[in-house]
C-alpha atoms as a PDB file:
ATOM      1  CA  MET A   1       0.435   0.037  -0.309  1.00  0.00           C
ATOM      2  CA  SER A   2       2.842   2.257   0.648  1.00  0.00           C
ATOM      3  CA  SER A   3       4.401   1.450  -2.339  1.00  0.00           C
ATOM      4  CA  LEU A   4       1.526   2.712  -4.466  1.00  0.00           C
ATOM      5  CA  ILE A   5       1.353   6.328  -2.026  1.00  0.00           C
ATOM      6  CA  ILE A   6       5.645   6.489  -2.904  1.00  0.00           C
ATOM      7  CA  ARG A   7       4.580   6.377  -6.694  1.00  0.00           C
ATOM      8  CA  LEU A   8       1.468   7.920  -6.589  1.00  0.00           C
ATOM      9  CA  VAL A   9       3.696  11.151  -4.961  1.00  0.00           C
ATOM     10  CA  CYS A  10       6.365  11.109  -7.182  1.00  0.00           C
ATOM     11  CA  GLY A  11       3.864  11.052 -10.419  1.00  0.00           C
ATOM     12  CA  LEU A  12       2.347  14.100  -9.332  1.00  0.00           C
ATOM     13  CA  LEU A  13       5.680  15.583  -8.913  1.00  0.00           C
ATOM     14  CA  PHE A  14       7.037  14.480 -12.050  1.00  0.00           C
ATOM     15  CA  SER A  15       4.410  15.708 -13.909  1.00  0.00           C
ATOM     16  CA  ALA A  16       4.248  19.367 -11.501  1.00  0.00           C
ATOM     17  CA  MET A  17       8.136  20.062 -12.849  1.00  0.00           C
ATOM     18  CA  VAL A  18       7.320  18.890 -16.390  1.00  0.00           C
ATOM     19  CA  LEU A  19       4.557  21.903 -16.165  1.00  0.00           C
ATOM     20  CA  GLY A  20       6.029  23.710 -15.191  1.00  0.00           C
ATOM     21  CA  ALA A  21       8.454  23.321 -17.746  1.00  0.00           C
ATOM     22  CA  VAL A  22       6.272  23.781 -19.856  1.00  0.00           C
ATOM     23  CA  VAL A  23       5.010  27.092 -18.551  1.00  0.00           C
ATOM     24  CA  ARG A  24       7.710  28.871 -17.263  1.00  0.00           C
ATOM     25  CA  PRO A  25      11.098  27.194 -19.574  1.00  0.00           C
ATOM     26  CA  PRO A  26      14.289  27.595 -17.995  1.00  0.00           C
ATOM     27  CA  ASP A  27      16.526  29.938 -19.062  1.00  0.00           C
ATOM     28  CA  ASN A  28      19.384  28.615 -20.470  1.00  0.00           C
ATOM     29  CA  LEU A  29      20.717  25.056 -21.295  1.00  0.00           C
ATOM     30  CA  THR A  30      22.540  24.744 -17.355  1.00  0.00           C
ATOM     31  CA  GLN A  31      19.276  25.194 -15.758  1.00  0.00           C
ATOM     32  CA  GLY A  32      17.364  22.689 -17.994  1.00  0.00           C
ATOM     33  CA  LEU A  33      20.220  19.950 -17.170  1.00  0.00           C
ATOM     34  CA  GLY A  34      19.726  20.826 -13.692  1.00  0.00           C
ATOM     35  CA  MET A  35      15.930  20.004 -13.818  1.00  0.00           C
ATOM     36  CA  LEU A  36      16.331  16.969 -15.756  1.00  0.00           C
ATOM     37  CA  LEU A  37      17.887  14.784 -12.602  1.00  0.00           C
ATOM     38  CA  PRO A  38      15.766  14.832  -9.866  1.00  0.00           C
ATOM     39  CA  ALA A  39      13.080  14.714 -13.290  1.00  0.00           C
ATOM     40  CA  THR A  40      14.281  11.245 -14.206  1.00  0.00           C
ATOM     41  CA  MET A  41      14.847  10.649 -10.200  1.00  0.00           C
ATOM     42  CA  LEU A  42      11.383  11.494  -9.903  1.00  0.00           C
ATOM     43  CA  LEU A  43       9.923   9.201 -13.199  1.00  0.00           C
ATOM     44  CA  GLY A  44      12.009   6.120 -12.386  1.00  0.00           C
ATOM     45  CA  VAL A  45      10.259   5.916  -9.250  1.00  0.00           C
ATOM     46  CA  ALA A  46       7.418   6.302 -10.125  1.00  0.00           C
ATOM     47  CA  LEU A  47       6.856   3.719 -12.844  1.00  0.00           C
ATOM     48  CA  LYS A  48       8.886   0.995 -11.399  1.00  0.00           C
ATOM     49  CA  GLY A  49       8.750   1.934  -7.646  1.00  0.00           C
ATOM     50  CA  PRO A  50      10.528   1.597  -4.068  1.00  0.00           C
ATOM     51  CA  ARG A  51      13.528  -0.587  -4.485  1.00  0.00           C
ATOM     52  CA  ARG A  52      12.758  -3.057  -2.057  1.00  0.00           C
ATOM     53  CA  SER A  53      14.306  -6.100  -2.642  1.00  0.00           C
ATOM     54  CA  ILE A  54      11.903  -9.509  -1.599  1.00  0.00           C
ATOM     55  CA  ILE A  55      14.290 -12.212  -2.356  1.00  0.00           C
ATOM     56  CA  PRO A  56      16.409 -12.261   0.154  1.00  0.00           C
ATOM     57  CA  PRO A  57      20.094 -11.160  -0.590  1.00  0.00           C
ATOM     58  CA  LYS A  58      22.474 -14.057  -1.199  1.00  0.00           C
ATOM     59  CA  LYS A  59      24.892 -14.927   1.372  1.00  0.00           C
ATOM     60  CA  ARG A  60      28.480 -14.662   0.305  1.00  0.00           C
ATOM     61  CA  VAL A  61      30.115 -17.937   0.578  1.00  0.00           C
ATOM     62  CA  PRO A  62      33.973 -17.790   0.891  1.00  0.00           C
ATOM     63  CA  PRO A  63      35.878 -19.672  -1.568  1.00  0.00           C
ATOM     64  CA  PRO A  64      36.632 -23.140  -1.267  1.00  0.00           C
ATOM     65  CA  ALA A  65      40.860 -23.896  -0.165  1.00  0.00           C
ATOM     66  CA  PRO A  66      43.432 -24.536  -2.413  1.00  0.00           C
ATOM     67  CA  ALA A  67      44.826 -28.539  -2.974  1.00  0.00           C
ATOM     68  CA  PRO A  68      47.659 -29.324  -1.599  1.00  0.00           C
ATOM     69  CA  VAL A  69      50.481 -29.631  -3.882  1.00  0.00           C
ATOM     70  CA  SER A  70      51.917 -32.260  -3.851  1.00  0.00           C
ATOM     71  CA  SER A  71      56.406 -31.238  -3.952  1.00  0.00           C
ATOM     72  CA  GLU A  72      57.623 -34.822  -5.657  1.00  0.00           C
ATOM     73  CA  SER A  73      57.067 -34.489  -9.694  1.00  0.00           C
ATOM     74  CA  PRO A  74      54.969 -37.750 -11.155  1.00  0.00           C
ATOM     75  CA  ARG A  75      56.461 -40.876 -12.730  1.00  0.00           C
ATOM     76  CA  VAL A  76      56.359 -41.459 -16.457  1.00  0.00           C
END
């Protein structure tokens, strides 16, 4: 339920930013690029939802110990 609320709020904030950029366009390119980063982050959260892992992370297993090396050379 809270994921749906977060997605809805982010979608509304994104649409408000887009509407604000259409009504009052930025003065120069750097202002437009500065608005682009937060807008894309809001759009990503609105489309995909907050990043929560449903599957728990795997526990890392230490690598196996190397096999002992014998000092004798094999006979042919």
